[in-house]
Amino acid sequence: MTRLAVAYYRVSTKAQGRSGLGLEAQQEAVQRFAEAQGYTIISTFSETETGKGSDALETRPQLSAALRDAKLRDCPVLVAKLDRLSRDVHFISGLMKHRVPFVVSELGPNVDPFMLHIYAAVAEQERNLISDRTKKALAAAKARGVTLGNPNGAAHLKALGNGSAVKAVKAEAQERAEGLAGVIASIKAEGITSANGIAGALNARHIATPRGGRWTARSVLNVLERLA
């Protein structure tokens, strides 16, 4: 028996295309799952938005549209991975209030709303642990005399033989860059494409650098290089 379903995909940055969370990877996973479970995908919704602040439904118009369509057709929403919805358990709880079932292909067809809450709680805890480990690694590096603001900081850490701290520094910088991707994209859409122009626009929006300072062309280029 064929069952109807709505598909939802979300990507945060171009970097996710390399991490297994890109749009094509999600589409392939959902399509493969739908065929195996007898679902016919009648509509698809996809959006690109930054990881930072991504847990507010009003900033996810395509997810809202997917919910409305699924509710109208009385069918579930299919997603490839739970974190394509959110890693925030409160956000997942809010989605459940819409009384639209979500089916996560990665978790299988028999995961009920209660189990989705459990998985979301585990994902949120994992995110917090990663953040905590990163902070501790950075603190340990600073205690050893590494200047964290130095662009060669990772090289210093490597020279000291601390591979986990190197990864922590890089992960922290990448996360900060991805959090700015949406804002920078909107600035470029206004026709401002130079590093100096973007720096000025960020400062005009009162958006501080990750270290709380004002933007310069160099700091913008650092972010753009990470997003590239």
Protein backbone atom coordinates (compact mmCIF):
# COMPACT_ATOMS: atom_id res chain seq x y z
CA MET A 1 0.00 0.00 0.00
CA THR A 2 1.41 3.36 -1.05
CA ARG A 3 1.50 6.06 1.60
CA LEU A 4 1.86 9.78 1.05
CA ALA A 5 4.60 11.89 2.61
CA VAL A 6 6.13 15.36 2.49
CA ALA A 7 9.94 15.65 2.37
CA TYR A 8 11.90 18.36 4.16
CA TYR A 9 15.60 19.16 3.67
CA ARG A 10 17.79 21.74 5.36
CA VAL A 11 21.40 22.81 4.82
CA SER A 12 23.23 25.39 6.89
CA THR A 13 26.34 26.16 4.82
CA LYS A 14 28.23 24.99 1.77
CA ALA A 15 30.56 23.15 4.13
CA GLN A 16 27.79 20.71 4.96
CA GLY A 17 27.96 19.35 1.45
CA ARG A 18 31.28 17.83 2.43
CA SER A 19 30.10 16.60 5.83
CA GLY A 20 27.40 14.20 4.63
CA LEU A 21 24.62 16.63 5.48
CA GLY A 22 24.38 18.29 2.06
CA LEU A 23 21.15 18.59 0.11
CA GLU A 24 21.91 15.77 -2.33
CA ALA A 25 22.86 13.39 0.48
CA GLN A 26 19.61 14.15 2.31
CA GLN A 27 17.54 13.69 -0.85
CA GLU A 28 19.16 10.36 -1.58
CA ALA A 29 18.62 9.10 1.97
CA VAL A 30 14.96 10.16 2.07
CA GLN A 31 14.21 8.81 -1.40
CA ARG A 32 15.81 5.46 -0.59
CA PHE A 33 13.86 5.27 2.67
CA ALA A 34 10.58 6.23 0.97
CA GLU A 35 10.97 3.52 -1.66
CA ALA A 36 11.80 0.89 0.95
CA GLN A 37 8.86 1.83 3.18
CA GLY A 38 6.27 2.37 0.45
CA TYR A 39 5.98 6.16 0.67
CA THR A 40 5.21 8.42 -2.27
CA ILE A 41 6.73 11.87 -1.81
CA ILE A 42 4.12 14.34 -3.01
CA SER A 43 5.93 17.59 -2.19
CA THR A 44 9.37 18.70 -1.08
CA PHE A 45 10.55 21.71 0.90
CA SER A 46 14.16 22.76 1.37
CA GLU A 47 15.89 25.78 2.82
CA THR A 48 19.31 27.12 3.66
CA GLU A 49 19.82 28.91 6.94
CA THR A 50 22.56 29.27 9.51
CA GLY A 51 22.96 27.02 12.50
CA LYS A 52 22.92 29.94 14.92
CA GLY A 53 19.39 30.85 15.96
CA SER A 54 17.99 28.06 13.80
CA ASP A 55 15.58 26.80 16.45
CA ALA A 56 12.94 29.50 15.94
CA LEU A 57 10.24 28.16 13.61
CA GLU A 58 9.51 31.66 12.29
CA THR A 59 13.00 31.71 10.76
CA ARG A 60 12.30 28.42 8.95
CA PRO A 61 9.52 29.30 6.46
CA GLN A 62 10.00 26.11 4.44
CA LEU A 63 9.62 23.93 7.52
CA SER A 64 6.45 25.84 8.38
CA ALA A 65 5.20 25.24 4.84
CA ALA A 66 6.05 21.54 5.06
CA LEU A 67 4.06 21.29 8.30
CA ARG A 68 1.04 22.99 6.74
CA ASP A 69 1.14 20.78 3.65
CA ALA A 70 1.50 17.57 5.66
CA LYS A 71 -1.34 18.57 7.94
CA LEU A 72 -3.57 19.35 4.98
CA ARG A 73 -2.83 15.98 3.36
CA ASP A 74 -2.84 14.09 6.68
CA CYS A 75 0.60 12.58 6.10
CA PRO A 76 4.03 12.61 7.76
CA VAL A 77 7.08 14.77 7.07
CA LEU A 78 10.16 12.78 6.07
CA VAL A 79 13.65 14.03 6.99
CA ALA A 80 17.03 12.40 6.56
CA LYS A 81 18.50 13.17 9.99
CA LEU A 82 17.05 14.45 13.24
CA ASP A 83 19.48 17.39 13.32
CA ARG A 84 18.01 18.59 10.01
CA LEU A 85 15.05 19.54 12.20
CA SER A 86 17.06 20.65 15.22
CA ARG A 87 19.42 19.53 17.97
CA ASP A 88 17.29 21.44 20.47
CA VAL A 89 14.89 19.22 22.43
CA HIS A 90 12.54 22.15 23.16
CA PHE A 91 12.27 22.90 19.45
CA ILE A 92 11.45 19.25 18.73
CA SER A 93 8.81 19.36 21.46
CA GLY A 94 7.31 22.43 19.84
CA LEU A 95 7.09 20.64 16.49
CA MET A 96 5.24 17.75 18.09
CA LYS A 97 2.49 20.16 19.20
CA HIS A 98 1.53 20.59 15.54
CA ARG A 99 0.37 16.95 15.59
CA VAL A 100 2.15 16.20 12.34
CA PRO A 101 4.21 12.99 12.51
CA PHE A 102 7.90 13.23 11.63
CA VAL A 103 9.70 10.21 10.22
CA VAL A 104 13.51 10.30 10.35
CA SER A 105 15.00 7.94 7.79
CA GLU A 106 18.19 7.55 9.82
CA LEU A 107 16.21 6.31 12.83
CA GLY A 108 13.82 3.99 10.99
CA PRO A 109 10.05 3.86 10.52
CA ASN A 110 9.01 2.84 14.05
CA VAL A 111 10.33 5.73 16.12
CA ASP A 112 7.37 7.39 17.85
CA PRO A 113 7.22 11.00 19.14
CA PHE A 114 8.38 9.93 22.61
CA MET A 115 11.53 8.36 21.17
CA LEU A 116 12.15 11.44 19.02
CA HIS A 117 12.25 13.47 22.23
CA ILE A 118 14.78 11.01 23.67
CA TYR A 119 17.00 11.16 20.57
CA ALA A 120 16.76 14.97 20.53
CA ALA A 121 17.77 15.13 24.20
CA VAL A 122 20.78 12.91 23.49
CA ALA A 123 21.76 15.07 20.49
CA GLU A 124 21.47 18.23 22.59
CA GLN A 125 23.61 16.71 25.33
CA GLU A 126 26.21 15.67 22.75
CA ARG A 127 26.32 19.22 21.40
CA ASN A 128 26.82 20.59 24.92
CA LEU A 129 29.59 18.08 25.62
CA ILE A 130 31.39 19.04 22.40
CA SER A 131 31.14 22.70 23.36
CA ASP A 132 32.44 21.95 26.85
CA ARG A 133 35.36 19.90 25.52
CA THR A 134 36.23 22.71 23.11
CA LYS A 135 36.26 25.30 25.91
CA LYS A 136 38.42 23.07 28.11
CA ALA A 137 40.88 22.41 25.29
CA LEU A 138 41.15 26.13 24.58
CA ALA A 139 41.63 26.88 28.28
CA ALA A 140 44.34 24.21 28.52
CA ALA A 141 46.08 25.65 25.45
CA LYS A 142 45.93 29.15 26.95
CA ALA A 143 47.37 27.85 30.23
CA ARG A 144 50.35 26.48 28.29
CA GLY A 145 51.00 29.94 26.87
CA VAL A 146 49.38 29.61 23.46
CA THR A 147 48.02 32.93 22.20
CA LEU A 148 44.56 31.92 21.01
CA GLY A 149 44.03 35.10 19.03
CA ASN A 150 47.13 34.38 16.96
CA PRO A 151 46.28 33.24 13.41
CA ASN A 152 49.09 30.73 13.83
CA GLY A 153 47.52 29.41 17.03
CA ALA A 154 46.74 26.01 15.51
CA ALA A 155 50.35 25.74 14.33
CA HIS A 156 51.56 26.48 17.87
CA LEU A 157 49.25 23.80 19.26
CA LYS A 158 50.48 21.31 16.72
CA ALA A 159 54.07 22.11 17.64
CA LEU A 160 53.16 21.41 21.25
CA GLY A 161 51.80 18.03 20.23
CA ASN A 162 48.20 18.64 21.28
CA GLY A 163 46.11 17.29 18.42
CA SER A 164 42.78 17.51 20.27
CA ALA A 165 43.35 21.20 21.00
CA VAL A 166 44.13 21.82 17.31
CA LYS A 167 40.82 20.25 16.37
CA ALA A 168 39.03 22.22 19.06
CA VAL A 169 40.41 25.55 17.83
CA LYS A 170 39.49 24.75 14.23
CA ALA A 171 36.02 23.51 15.18
CA GLU A 172 35.31 26.62 17.22
CA ALA A 173 36.42 28.91 14.40
CA GLN A 174 34.38 26.97 11.84
CA GLU A 175 31.27 27.13 14.02
CA ARG A 176 31.64 30.89 14.42
CA ALA A 177 32.06 31.31 10.66
CA GLU A 178 28.99 29.20 9.87
CA GLY A 179 26.96 31.24 12.33
CA LEU A 180 27.73 34.35 10.26
CA ALA A 181 27.05 32.78 6.87
CA GLY A 182 23.43 33.92 6.62
CA VAL A 183 24.19 37.51 7.61
CA ILE A 184 27.07 37.77 5.14
CA ALA A 185 24.89 36.27 2.39
CA SER A 186 22.22 38.92 3.01
CA ILE A 187 24.87 41.67 2.87
CA LYS A 188 26.17 40.33 -0.45
CA ALA A 189 22.60 40.22 -1.76
CA GLU A 190 22.51 43.99 -1.20
CA GLY A 191 25.42 44.33 -3.63
CA ILE A 192 28.14 44.69 -1.00
CA THR A 193 30.81 42.15 -1.91
CA SER A 194 34.19 43.59 -0.93
CA ALA A 195 35.79 42.60 2.37
CA ASN A 196 35.90 46.24 3.44
CA GLY A 197 32.25 46.73 2.53
CA ILE A 198 31.14 43.61 4.38
CA ALA A 199 33.15 44.68 7.44
CA GLY A 200 31.43 48.06 7.39
CA ALA A 201 27.99 46.48 7.02
CA LEU A 202 28.61 44.10 9.93
CA ASN A 203 29.76 46.98 12.10
CA ALA A 204 26.71 49.03 11.06
CA ARG A 205 24.50 46.14 12.19
CA HIS A 206 26.29 46.18 15.55
CA ILE A 207 27.48 42.62 15.05
CA ALA A 208 30.74 42.11 16.91
CA THR A 209 33.53 39.82 15.83
CA PRO A 210 33.75 36.46 17.64
CA ARG A 211 36.14 38.14 20.08
CA GLY A 212 33.88 41.12 20.67
CA GLY A 213 35.71 43.66 18.50
CA ARG A 214 34.99 45.55 15.30
CA TRP A 215 35.24 43.96 11.88
CA THR A 216 38.12 44.65 9.50
CA ALA A 217 38.69 43.45 5.96
CA ARG A 218 41.14 40.84 7.30
CA SER A 219 38.70 39.40 9.82
CA VAL A 220 36.01 39.19 7.13
CA LEU A 221 38.42 37.41 4.77
CA ASN A 222 39.21 34.90 7.51
CA VAL A 223 35.52 34.04 7.80
CA LEU A 224 35.03 33.88 4.02
CA GLU A 225 37.99 31.54 3.68
CA ARG A 226 36.44 29.17 6.21
CA LEU A 227 33.09 29.25 4.45
CA ALA A 228 34.74 28.55 1.12
